[in-house]
Structure formats: structure tokens, C-alpha cells
Amino acid sequence: MLLMKDIIRDGHPTLRKIAKEVPLPPDPADIETLKSMEEFLINSQDPVISDKYGLRGGVGLAAPQINVPKRMFVMRLTDEKGEEYNYSFINPKIISHSVEKSYLTSGEGCLSVDRNIPGYVLRYARITVKGFNEKGEELKLRLRGLPAIVFQHELDHLNGVMFYDHINKKNPFQLNENAIPIEN
């Protein structure tokens, strides 16, 4: 079972590296890594288990965050309409995106960052994504709102980018005209 001690923190060199493509079909070790990451998210969202083991709640986790520099991540969340997004992605990509941007009104956080970093992170409001699941089957999804933001946050981890890299240093709460606020 993954615990908070297994998640590397801001400043660790793996978080700034570009992760390597995963050969398909995925090997048993990669499948096991995805399953343990998914289990962490399930446990982190369970109040009893998260309290017992001191887990911070998460909606996404990328393999580089557990010091595995491979292009894989998991996301588990429910959007504002109650639709569940429980996916494991291998070699994910954004294949198209809106011009329009959106942002979380509360700002973004990260399991690898132990401090609050105020500011807005502008991301594409709508994205079409492609990748593969743990069985090596192709996934293609259209995401908007919170699921789109989570996907982009996790994809950044695969490219050595942290969420706060997107925050305007001079004016952290600056917004583009027509940016769509997302409550979370």
C-alpha cells in the first residue's frame, strides 16, 4: 500500500524530468504500479482510511510522483454533474484543446507540494485526450471542467512541470478575459 512517505516531494529531481514512454502492451510491473497508484487515490478519498494512515486526499497521481519516471497516471474524481472519472492512462496526450481557458477558484494543490501556493493556474477549458489503459487498449475522451484540469495537471508531471510554474509570478491572481471559473 502506498503511503505519503512514498510520494516524492517538490525539489526531488525526478519531478523535473521528462518521463519515458511505456512500451505497449504494458508489462506486469507497470500494471501493478498503476493499480497501487489507483489504490492510493481510493484510500486517500476514504475518510476512515486516510485518517488512519495520514493520507492527503488526491484526485490524481502520476508515476513520477512515486519516483517512477514513466508516462503513466491515474485520476479518480466526480465532476459537478456527478459523473465519475476513474481512469488509468499510459502514454497520454492532448490531441485537441479549446482556446478558452478555465481555472480552479481555490487554486491547485499537489500531493508532492507540502505548502499552499496561492494563484490561478489557467488551463484549457476543454480537451480531447488519447492514451492507453492498463490492458493496452486505446482510450479517447473529451474532458471539460475539473476532469480536464486534473488531466492537464497530471500530464504536466510527465513533462517535468509543476502546477505553480503556470502561476503568473508578478500577479498570481491575474485572469484571462472570459476564463471559466471551476469550483472544486
N, C-alpha and C. Protein backbone atom coordinates (compact mmCIF):
# COMPACT_ATOMS: atom_id res chain seq x y z
N MET A 1 0.84 -1.19 0.00
CA MET A 1 0.00 0.00 0.00
C MET A 1 0.88 1.25 0.00
N LEU A 2 0.61 2.15 -0.94
CA LEU A 2 1.35 3.41 -0.99
C LEU A 2 0.90 4.32 0.14
N LEU A 3 1.87 5.00 0.75
CA LEU A 3 1.61 5.96 1.81
C LEU A 3 2.22 7.30 1.41
N MET A 4 1.98 8.33 2.20
CA MET A 4 2.53 9.66 1.88
C MET A 4 4.05 9.62 1.79
N LYS A 5 4.70 8.76 2.57
CA LYS A 5 6.16 8.68 2.53
C LYS A 5 6.67 8.17 1.18
N ASP A 6 5.79 7.52 0.39
CA ASP A 6 6.18 7.00 -0.93
C ASP A 6 6.08 8.06 -2.02
N ILE A 7 5.45 9.18 -1.70
CA ILE A 7 5.29 10.26 -2.68
C ILE A 7 6.45 11.23 -2.52
N ILE A 8 7.22 11.39 -3.61
CA ILE A 8 8.37 12.29 -3.54
C ILE A 8 7.88 13.74 -3.52
N ARG A 9 8.68 14.59 -2.90
CA ARG A 9 8.26 15.97 -2.70
C ARG A 9 8.98 16.93 -3.62
N ASP A 10 8.37 18.10 -3.74
CA ASP A 10 8.90 19.21 -4.51
C ASP A 10 10.40 19.36 -4.24
N GLY A 11 11.17 19.48 -5.29
CA GLY A 11 12.63 19.59 -5.13
C GLY A 11 13.34 18.30 -5.53
N HIS A 12 12.62 17.18 -5.52
CA HIS A 12 13.22 15.90 -5.94
C HIS A 12 13.46 15.96 -7.45
N PRO A 13 14.65 15.54 -7.93
CA PRO A 13 14.96 15.69 -9.36
C PRO A 13 14.02 14.95 -10.31
N THR A 14 13.43 13.83 -9.91
CA THR A 14 12.53 13.09 -10.80
C THR A 14 11.33 13.94 -11.21
N LEU A 15 10.89 14.84 -10.33
CA LEU A 15 9.72 15.68 -10.65
C LEU A 15 9.99 16.68 -11.77
N ARG A 16 11.24 16.90 -12.11
CA ARG A 16 11.58 17.86 -13.17
C ARG A 16 12.08 17.18 -14.45
N LYS A 17 12.02 15.85 -14.49
CA LYS A 17 12.45 15.11 -15.67
C LYS A 17 11.26 14.78 -16.57
N ILE A 18 11.54 14.65 -17.86
CA ILE A 18 10.50 14.18 -18.79
C ILE A 18 10.47 12.67 -18.67
N ALA A 19 9.28 12.15 -18.35
CA ALA A 19 9.10 10.71 -18.15
C ALA A 19 9.20 9.97 -19.49
N LYS A 20 9.58 8.70 -19.41
CA LYS A 20 9.76 7.86 -20.60
C LYS A 20 8.45 7.19 -21.03
N GLU A 21 8.29 7.04 -22.35
CA GLU A 21 7.14 6.31 -22.90
C GLU A 21 7.12 4.89 -22.33
N VAL A 22 5.94 4.34 -22.18
CA VAL A 22 5.78 2.98 -21.68
C VAL A 22 5.55 2.06 -22.88
N PRO A 23 6.38 1.00 -23.04
CA PRO A 23 6.14 0.06 -24.15
C PRO A 23 4.78 -0.62 -23.97
N LEU A 24 4.09 -0.83 -25.09
CA LEU A 24 2.79 -1.48 -25.07
C LEU A 24 2.89 -2.86 -25.70
N PRO A 25 2.15 -3.86 -25.25
CA PRO A 25 1.29 -3.77 -24.07
C PRO A 25 2.13 -3.58 -22.81
N PRO A 26 1.52 -2.98 -21.76
CA PRO A 26 2.30 -2.74 -20.53
C PRO A 26 2.71 -4.05 -19.87
N ASP A 27 3.89 -4.04 -19.27
CA ASP A 27 4.34 -5.26 -18.58
C ASP A 27 3.68 -5.34 -17.20
N PRO A 28 3.73 -6.51 -16.56
CA PRO A 28 3.07 -6.69 -15.26
C PRO A 28 3.52 -5.67 -14.20
N ALA A 29 4.77 -5.27 -14.21
CA ALA A 29 5.25 -4.28 -13.23
C ALA A 29 4.56 -2.93 -13.42
N ASP A 30 4.39 -2.52 -14.68
CA ASP A 30 3.71 -1.24 -14.93
C ASP A 30 2.24 -1.31 -14.53
N ILE A 31 1.60 -2.44 -14.80
CA ILE A 31 0.20 -2.63 -14.41
C ILE A 31 0.08 -2.58 -12.89
N GLU A 32 1.00 -3.21 -12.20
CA GLU A 32 1.00 -3.21 -10.73
C GLU A 32 1.20 -1.79 -10.19
N THR A 33 2.08 -1.02 -10.82
CA THR A 33 2.31 0.37 -10.41
C THR A 33 1.01 1.16 -10.53
N LEU A 34 0.32 1.02 -11.66
CA LEU A 34 -0.95 1.74 -11.86
C LEU A 34 -1.97 1.32 -10.81
N LYS A 35 -2.06 0.03 -10.52
CA LYS A 35 -3.02 -0.46 -9.52
C LYS A 35 -2.72 0.11 -8.14
N SER A 36 -1.44 0.18 -7.77
CA SER A 36 -1.10 0.72 -6.44
C SER A 36 -1.37 2.22 -6.38
N MET A 37 -1.18 2.93 -7.50
CA MET A 37 -1.49 4.37 -7.54
C MET A 37 -3.00 4.58 -7.42
N GLU A 38 -3.78 3.75 -8.11
CA GLU A 38 -5.24 3.85 -8.03
C GLU A 38 -5.70 3.55 -6.61
N GLU A 39 -5.12 2.53 -6.00
CA GLU A 39 -5.47 2.17 -4.62
C GLU A 39 -5.18 3.34 -3.67
N PHE A 40 -4.05 4.04 -3.90
CA PHE A 40 -3.73 5.20 -3.08
C PHE A 40 -4.84 6.24 -3.17
N LEU A 41 -5.30 6.55 -4.40
CA LEU A 41 -6.36 7.57 -4.56
C LEU A 41 -7.65 7.13 -3.88
N ILE A 42 -8.01 5.85 -4.04
CA ILE A 42 -9.22 5.34 -3.38
C ILE A 42 -9.09 5.50 -1.87
N ASN A 43 -7.95 5.09 -1.32
CA ASN A 43 -7.73 5.20 0.13
C ASN A 43 -7.69 6.65 0.59
N SER A 44 -7.09 7.53 -0.22
CA SER A 44 -6.97 8.94 0.17
C SER A 44 -8.33 9.64 0.20
N GLN A 45 -9.30 9.09 -0.55
CA GLN A 45 -10.64 9.68 -0.59
C GLN A 45 -11.59 9.05 0.43
N ASP A 46 -11.11 8.05 1.14
CA ASP A 46 -11.90 7.39 2.18
C ASP A 46 -11.53 8.02 3.53
N PRO A 47 -12.48 8.72 4.19
CA PRO A 47 -12.14 9.45 5.42
C PRO A 47 -11.52 8.56 6.51
N VAL A 48 -12.02 7.35 6.66
CA VAL A 48 -11.52 6.46 7.72
C VAL A 48 -10.09 6.01 7.41
N ILE A 49 -9.86 5.53 6.18
CA ILE A 49 -8.53 5.03 5.80
C ILE A 49 -7.53 6.18 5.75
N SER A 50 -7.93 7.32 5.16
CA SER A 50 -6.98 8.44 5.05
C SER A 50 -6.59 8.95 6.43
N ASP A 51 -7.53 8.97 7.36
CA ASP A 51 -7.22 9.41 8.72
C ASP A 51 -6.29 8.41 9.41
N LYS A 52 -6.57 7.13 9.25
CA LYS A 52 -5.76 6.08 9.89
C LYS A 52 -4.30 6.12 9.43
N TYR A 53 -4.09 6.35 8.12
CA TYR A 53 -2.74 6.30 7.55
C TYR A 53 -2.14 7.67 7.26
N GLY A 54 -2.86 8.74 7.60
CA GLY A 54 -2.34 10.10 7.39
C GLY A 54 -2.18 10.45 5.92
N LEU A 55 -3.16 10.06 5.09
CA LEU A 55 -3.09 10.33 3.66
C LEU A 55 -3.76 11.66 3.33
N ARG A 56 -3.14 12.43 2.47
CA ARG A 56 -3.79 13.64 1.95
C ARG A 56 -4.69 13.22 0.80
N GLY A 57 -5.87 13.79 0.73
CA GLY A 57 -6.81 13.45 -0.33
C GLY A 57 -6.27 13.86 -1.69
N GLY A 58 -6.43 12.98 -2.67
CA GLY A 58 -5.97 13.29 -4.02
C GLY A 58 -6.98 12.84 -5.06
N VAL A 59 -6.95 13.50 -6.22
CA VAL A 59 -7.81 13.11 -7.34
C VAL A 59 -6.98 12.62 -8.52
N GLY A 60 -5.67 12.79 -8.44
CA GLY A 60 -4.78 12.33 -9.50
C GLY A 60 -3.41 12.03 -8.92
N LEU A 61 -2.72 11.09 -9.57
CA LEU A 61 -1.36 10.74 -9.14
C LEU A 61 -0.60 10.25 -10.37
N ALA A 62 0.56 10.85 -10.60
CA ALA A 62 1.40 10.49 -11.74
C ALA A 62 2.56 9.63 -11.27
N ALA A 63 2.98 8.69 -12.12
CA ALA A 63 4.07 7.77 -11.76
C ALA A 63 5.34 8.51 -11.29
N PRO A 64 5.74 9.63 -11.92
CA PRO A 64 6.93 10.31 -11.42
C PRO A 64 6.82 10.74 -9.95
N GLN A 65 5.58 10.94 -9.46
CA GLN A 65 5.40 11.34 -8.06
C GLN A 65 5.75 10.22 -7.08
N ILE A 66 5.82 8.98 -7.57
CA ILE A 66 6.28 7.88 -6.70
C ILE A 66 7.65 7.41 -7.20
N ASN A 67 8.37 8.34 -7.85
CA ASN A 67 9.73 8.13 -8.32
C ASN A 67 9.84 7.04 -9.39
N VAL A 68 8.79 6.93 -10.21
CA VAL A 68 8.79 6.02 -11.36
C VAL A 68 8.68 6.93 -12.60
N PRO A 69 9.79 7.21 -13.28
CA PRO A 69 9.77 8.19 -14.38
C PRO A 69 9.20 7.63 -15.68
N LYS A 70 7.93 7.23 -15.64
CA LYS A 70 7.25 6.67 -16.81
C LYS A 70 5.98 7.46 -17.08
N ARG A 71 5.54 7.46 -18.33
CA ARG A 71 4.38 8.24 -18.76
C ARG A 71 3.08 7.52 -18.42
N MET A 72 2.75 7.56 -17.13
CA MET A 72 1.52 6.93 -16.63
C MET A 72 0.95 7.79 -15.50
N PHE A 73 -0.37 7.85 -15.44
CA PHE A 73 -1.02 8.46 -14.27
C PHE A 73 -2.41 7.90 -14.10
N VAL A 74 -2.96 8.13 -12.90
CA VAL A 74 -4.33 7.73 -12.60
C VAL A 74 -5.10 8.96 -12.15
N MET A 75 -6.39 8.96 -12.41
CA MET A 75 -7.27 10.03 -11.92
C MET A 75 -8.57 9.39 -11.46
N ARG A 76 -9.07 9.88 -10.33
CA ARG A 76 -10.34 9.41 -9.74
C ARG A 76 -11.05 10.61 -9.17
N LEU A 77 -12.13 10.99 -9.82
CA LEU A 77 -12.89 12.14 -9.32
C LEU A 77 -14.30 12.09 -9.86
N THR A 78 -15.15 12.91 -9.28
CA THR A 78 -16.52 13.06 -9.73
C THR A 78 -16.70 14.52 -10.13
N ASP A 79 -17.28 14.77 -11.31
CA ASP A 79 -17.46 16.15 -11.75
C ASP A 79 -18.71 16.76 -11.11
N GLU A 80 -18.98 18.01 -11.47
CA GLU A 80 -20.10 18.74 -10.84
C GLU A 80 -21.46 18.13 -11.17
N LYS A 81 -21.53 17.30 -12.21
CA LYS A 81 -22.80 16.64 -12.57
C LYS A 81 -22.92 15.26 -11.93
N GLY A 82 -21.91 14.86 -11.15
CA GLY A 82 -21.95 13.56 -10.50
C GLY A 82 -21.37 12.43 -11.35
N GLU A 83 -20.79 12.76 -12.53
CA GLU A 83 -20.19 11.73 -13.38
C GLU A 83 -18.80 11.38 -12.86
N GLU A 84 -18.53 10.06 -12.78
CA GLU A 84 -17.24 9.60 -12.27
C GLU A 84 -16.22 9.47 -13.39
N TYR A 85 -14.99 9.86 -13.06
CA TYR A 85 -13.85 9.75 -13.98
C TYR A 85 -12.77 8.95 -13.28
N ASN A 86 -12.80 7.65 -13.47
CA ASN A 86 -11.83 6.75 -12.85
C ASN A 86 -11.02 6.12 -13.97
N TYR A 87 -9.84 6.66 -14.23
CA TYR A 87 -9.04 6.22 -15.37
C TYR A 87 -7.58 6.03 -14.99
N SER A 88 -6.98 5.04 -15.62
CA SER A 88 -5.53 4.87 -15.62
C SER A 88 -5.08 5.18 -17.04
N PHE A 89 -4.11 6.05 -17.18
CA PHE A 89 -3.60 6.43 -18.50
C PHE A 89 -2.15 6.03 -18.66
N ILE A 90 -1.85 5.43 -19.80
CA ILE A 90 -0.48 5.14 -20.20
C ILE A 90 -0.22 5.94 -21.48
N ASN A 91 0.91 6.62 -21.53
CA ASN A 91 1.30 7.44 -22.69
C ASN A 91 0.19 8.41 -23.12
N PRO A 92 -0.36 9.18 -22.16
CA PRO A 92 -1.45 10.10 -22.50
C PRO A 92 -0.98 11.30 -23.32
N LYS A 93 -1.92 11.82 -24.13
CA LYS A 93 -1.64 13.01 -24.95
C LYS A 93 -2.92 13.83 -25.05
N ILE A 94 -2.75 15.15 -25.21
CA ILE A 94 -3.87 16.01 -25.58
C ILE A 94 -3.81 16.11 -27.10
N ILE A 95 -4.90 15.72 -27.78
CA ILE A 95 -4.89 15.77 -29.24
C ILE A 95 -5.60 17.01 -29.79
N SER A 96 -6.45 17.63 -28.97
CA SER A 96 -7.01 18.93 -29.35
C SER A 96 -7.48 19.63 -28.08
N HIS A 97 -7.58 20.96 -28.16
CA HIS A 97 -8.00 21.74 -26.99
C HIS A 97 -8.68 23.02 -27.42
N SER A 98 -9.46 23.57 -26.50
CA SER A 98 -10.15 24.84 -26.73
C SER A 98 -9.15 25.99 -26.63
N VAL A 99 -9.54 27.11 -27.19
CA VAL A 99 -8.78 28.35 -26.99
C VAL A 99 -9.11 28.86 -25.58
N GLU A 100 -10.36 28.69 -25.22
CA GLU A 100 -10.86 29.13 -23.92
C GLU A 100 -10.10 28.47 -22.76
N LYS A 101 -9.90 29.22 -21.69
CA LYS A 101 -9.20 28.71 -20.52
C LYS A 101 -10.16 28.60 -19.33
N SER A 102 -9.78 27.76 -18.38
CA SER A 102 -10.52 27.66 -17.12
C SER A 102 -9.51 27.57 -15.99
N TYR A 103 -10.01 27.69 -14.75
CA TYR A 103 -9.12 27.65 -13.58
C TYR A 103 -9.94 27.24 -12.36
N LEU A 104 -9.25 26.67 -11.39
CA LEU A 104 -9.90 26.35 -10.12
C LEU A 104 -9.92 27.60 -9.26
N THR A 105 -11.09 27.96 -8.77
CA THR A 105 -11.21 29.19 -7.97
C THR A 105 -10.41 29.10 -6.67
N SER A 106 -10.22 27.87 -6.18
CA SER A 106 -9.47 27.69 -4.92
C SER A 106 -7.98 27.51 -5.19
N GLY A 107 -7.57 27.54 -6.46
CA GLY A 107 -6.18 27.28 -6.81
C GLY A 107 -5.93 25.78 -6.85
N GLU A 108 -4.76 25.39 -7.35
CA GLU A 108 -4.42 23.97 -7.43
C GLU A 108 -3.51 23.58 -6.28
N GLY A 109 -3.54 22.31 -5.96
CA GLY A 109 -2.64 21.75 -4.97
C GLY A 109 -2.03 20.50 -5.56
N CYS A 110 -1.12 19.89 -4.83
CA CYS A 110 -0.41 18.73 -5.35
C CYS A 110 0.08 17.88 -4.19
N LEU A 111 -0.04 16.56 -4.32
CA LEU A 111 0.44 15.66 -3.27
C LEU A 111 1.95 15.77 -3.07
N SER A 112 2.67 16.26 -4.09
CA SER A 112 4.13 16.42 -3.97
C SER A 112 4.54 17.79 -3.44
N VAL A 113 3.56 18.66 -3.20
CA VAL A 113 3.86 20.02 -2.71
C VAL A 113 3.19 20.19 -1.35
N ASP A 114 4.01 20.38 -0.33
CA ASP A 114 3.50 20.43 1.05
C ASP A 114 3.10 21.81 1.51
N ARG A 115 3.12 22.78 0.62
CA ARG A 115 2.73 24.14 1.03
C ARG A 115 1.64 24.66 0.11
N ASN A 116 0.89 25.61 0.60
CA ASN A 116 -0.14 26.24 -0.21
C ASN A 116 0.54 27.30 -1.09
N ILE A 117 0.29 27.26 -2.38
CA ILE A 117 0.86 28.25 -3.29
C ILE A 117 -0.31 29.00 -3.92
N PRO A 118 -0.56 30.24 -3.46
CA PRO A 118 -1.71 30.98 -3.97
C PRO A 118 -1.52 31.43 -5.41
N GLY A 119 -2.63 31.44 -6.13
CA GLY A 119 -2.62 31.92 -7.51
C GLY A 119 -3.45 31.03 -8.40
N TYR A 120 -3.81 31.57 -9.56
CA TYR A 120 -4.62 30.82 -10.50
C TYR A 120 -3.74 30.14 -11.55
N VAL A 121 -4.10 28.91 -11.86
CA VAL A 121 -3.45 28.14 -12.91
C VAL A 121 -4.43 28.05 -14.07
N LEU A 122 -4.13 28.76 -15.14
CA LEU A 122 -5.02 28.74 -16.31
C LEU A 122 -4.71 27.51 -17.15
N ARG A 123 -5.76 26.76 -17.47
CA ARG A 123 -5.64 25.54 -18.27
C ARG A 123 -6.70 25.57 -19.37
N TYR A 124 -6.52 24.71 -20.37
CA TYR A 124 -7.54 24.62 -21.43
C TYR A 124 -8.87 24.21 -20.81
N ALA A 125 -9.94 24.88 -21.22
CA ALA A 125 -11.28 24.59 -20.67
C ALA A 125 -11.79 23.24 -21.16
N ARG A 126 -11.49 22.89 -22.42
CA ARG A 126 -11.94 21.62 -22.99
C ARG A 126 -10.78 20.97 -23.73
N ILE A 127 -10.65 19.67 -23.53
CA ILE A 127 -9.57 18.93 -24.20
C ILE A 127 -10.10 17.60 -24.72
N THR A 128 -9.51 17.14 -25.80
CA THR A 128 -9.72 15.78 -26.27
C THR A 128 -8.39 15.07 -26.05
N VAL A 129 -8.46 13.92 -25.38
CA VAL A 129 -7.24 13.23 -24.98
C VAL A 129 -7.23 11.80 -25.50
N LYS A 130 -6.02 11.28 -25.60
CA LYS A 130 -5.84 9.91 -26.05
C LYS A 130 -4.76 9.28 -25.18
N GLY A 131 -4.86 8.00 -24.98
CA GLY A 131 -3.87 7.25 -24.23
C GLY A 131 -4.29 5.80 -24.23
N PHE A 132 -3.70 5.03 -23.34
CA PHE A 132 -3.99 3.60 -23.25
C PHE A 132 -4.27 3.24 -21.81
N ASN A 133 -5.16 2.26 -21.60
CA ASN A 133 -5.43 1.81 -20.24
C ASN A 133 -4.45 0.70 -19.86
N GLU A 134 -4.63 0.14 -18.67
CA GLU A 134 -3.70 -0.87 -18.17
C GLU A 134 -3.72 -2.17 -18.99
N LYS A 135 -4.76 -2.34 -19.82
CA LYS A 135 -4.83 -3.53 -20.69
C LYS A 135 -4.18 -3.25 -22.05
N GLY A 136 -3.72 -2.01 -22.24
CA GLY A 136 -3.12 -1.64 -23.52
C GLY A 136 -4.15 -1.23 -24.56
N GLU A 137 -5.43 -1.04 -24.12
CA GLU A 137 -6.49 -0.62 -25.02
C GLU A 137 -6.50 0.91 -25.13
N GLU A 138 -6.74 1.41 -26.34
CA GLU A 138 -6.75 2.85 -26.54
C GLU A 138 -7.96 3.50 -25.87
N LEU A 139 -7.72 4.63 -25.23
CA LEU A 139 -8.78 5.46 -24.63
C LEU A 139 -8.79 6.78 -25.38
N LYS A 140 -9.97 7.28 -25.67
CA LYS A 140 -10.10 8.62 -26.24
C LYS A 140 -11.27 9.27 -25.53
N LEU A 141 -11.01 10.41 -24.90
CA LEU A 141 -12.04 11.08 -24.10
C LEU A 141 -12.08 12.56 -24.42
N ARG A 142 -13.26 13.14 -24.22
CA ARG A 142 -13.40 14.60 -24.25
C ARG A 142 -13.66 15.03 -22.81
N LEU A 143 -12.85 15.94 -22.33
CA LEU A 143 -12.95 16.37 -20.93
C LEU A 143 -13.16 17.88 -20.86
N ARG A 144 -13.89 18.28 -19.83
CA ARG A 144 -14.09 19.71 -19.55
C ARG A 144 -14.18 19.87 -18.05
N GLY A 145 -14.10 21.10 -17.56
CA GLY A 145 -14.21 21.35 -16.12
C GLY A 145 -13.10 20.69 -15.33
N LEU A 146 -13.46 20.21 -14.13
CA LEU A 146 -12.47 19.63 -13.23
C LEU A 146 -11.71 18.45 -13.85
N PRO A 147 -12.38 17.50 -14.54
CA PRO A 147 -11.62 16.40 -15.15
C PRO A 147 -10.54 16.89 -16.13
N ALA A 148 -10.83 17.94 -16.90
CA ALA A 148 -9.84 18.49 -17.84
C ALA A 148 -8.65 19.09 -17.09
N ILE A 149 -8.94 19.77 -15.99
CA ILE A 149 -7.87 20.38 -15.19
C ILE A 149 -7.00 19.29 -14.57
N VAL A 150 -7.61 18.26 -14.01
CA VAL A 150 -6.85 17.17 -13.38
C VAL A 150 -5.97 16.48 -14.43
N PHE A 151 -6.53 16.20 -15.60
CA PHE A 151 -5.74 15.55 -16.66
C PHE A 151 -4.51 16.39 -16.99
N GLN A 152 -4.70 17.70 -17.18
CA GLN A 152 -3.59 18.59 -17.55
C GLN A 152 -2.55 18.68 -16.43
N HIS A 153 -3.00 18.70 -15.18
CA HIS A 153 -2.09 18.74 -14.04
C HIS A 153 -1.21 17.48 -14.04
N GLU A 154 -1.83 16.32 -14.20
CA GLU A 154 -1.07 15.06 -14.18
C GLU A 154 -0.17 14.94 -15.41
N LEU A 155 -0.65 15.36 -16.57
CA LEU A 155 0.18 15.33 -17.77
C LEU A 155 1.43 16.20 -17.59
N ASP A 156 1.26 17.34 -16.93
CA ASP A 156 2.42 18.20 -16.63
C ASP A 156 3.48 17.42 -15.86
N HIS A 157 3.06 16.59 -14.90
CA HIS A 157 4.04 15.81 -14.12
C HIS A 157 4.88 14.92 -15.04
N LEU A 158 4.30 14.43 -16.12
CA LEU A 158 5.05 13.57 -17.04
C LEU A 158 6.07 14.35 -17.86
N ASN A 159 5.90 15.67 -17.85
CA ASN A 159 6.80 16.56 -18.62
C ASN A 159 7.70 17.40 -17.72
N GLY A 160 7.76 17.06 -16.43
CA GLY A 160 8.64 17.77 -15.51
C GLY A 160 8.16 19.16 -15.15
N VAL A 161 6.85 19.39 -15.27
CA VAL A 161 6.27 20.72 -14.99
C VAL A 161 5.42 20.63 -13.73
N MET A 162 5.57 21.61 -12.85
CA MET A 162 4.78 21.69 -11.62
C MET A 162 3.67 22.72 -11.84
N PHE A 163 2.54 22.56 -11.13
CA PHE A 163 1.40 23.46 -11.33
C PHE A 163 1.76 24.91 -11.12
N TYR A 164 2.63 25.19 -10.14
CA TYR A 164 2.95 26.60 -9.83
C TYR A 164 3.80 27.26 -10.91
N ASP A 165 4.37 26.46 -11.84
CA ASP A 165 5.10 27.04 -12.97
C ASP A 165 4.16 27.88 -13.85
N HIS A 166 2.85 27.57 -13.80
CA HIS A 166 1.86 28.28 -14.62
C HIS A 166 1.33 29.56 -13.95
N ILE A 167 1.63 29.75 -12.67
CA ILE A 167 1.10 30.92 -11.95
C ILE A 167 1.92 32.16 -12.31
N ASN A 168 1.24 33.22 -12.67
CA ASN A 168 1.89 34.48 -13.01
C ASN A 168 2.63 34.99 -11.77
N LYS A 169 3.94 35.11 -11.88
CA LYS A 169 4.77 35.49 -10.71
C LYS A 169 4.48 36.91 -10.22
N LYS A 170 4.25 37.84 -11.16
CA LYS A 170 4.01 39.23 -10.78
C LYS A 170 2.59 39.46 -10.27
N ASN A 171 1.61 38.74 -10.85
CA ASN A 171 0.22 38.91 -10.48
C ASN A 171 -0.44 37.53 -10.43
N PRO A 172 -0.28 36.80 -9.28
CA PRO A 172 -0.75 35.41 -9.20
C PRO A 172 -2.24 35.21 -9.46
N PHE A 173 -3.04 36.25 -9.27
CA PHE A 173 -4.49 36.09 -9.46
C PHE A 173 -4.99 36.75 -10.74
N GLN A 174 -4.07 37.01 -11.68
CA GLN A 174 -4.45 37.57 -12.96
C GLN A 174 -5.19 36.52 -13.78
N LEU A 175 -6.26 36.95 -14.42
CA LEU A 175 -7.06 36.04 -15.25
C LEU A 175 -7.15 36.55 -16.67
N ASN A 176 -7.27 35.63 -17.60
CA ASN A 176 -7.57 35.99 -18.99
C ASN A 176 -9.02 36.42 -19.05
N GLU A 177 -9.32 37.25 -20.04
CA GLU A 177 -10.70 37.63 -20.28
C GLU A 177 -11.47 36.35 -20.61
N ASN A 178 -12.65 36.20 -20.08
CA ASN A 178 -13.53 35.05 -20.34
C ASN A 178 -13.04 33.72 -19.76
N ALA A 179 -12.05 33.73 -18.88
CA ALA A 179 -11.63 32.47 -18.24
C ALA A 179 -12.78 31.93 -17.41
N ILE A 180 -12.98 30.62 -17.48
CA ILE A 180 -14.13 30.00 -16.82
C ILE A 180 -13.74 29.52 -15.41
N PRO A 181 -14.43 30.05 -14.36
CA PRO A 181 -14.11 29.59 -13.02
C PRO A 181 -14.69 28.19 -12.75
N ILE A 182 -13.92 27.33 -12.15
CA ILE A 182 -14.36 25.98 -11.79
C ILE A 182 -14.27 25.85 -10.27
N GLU A 183 -15.41 25.57 -9.63
CA GLU A 183 -15.43 25.34 -8.18
C GLU A 183 -15.01 23.91 -7.93
N ASN A 184 -14.29 23.68 -6.85
CA ASN A 184 -13.96 22.28 -6.52
C ASN A 184 -14.06 22.03 -5.04
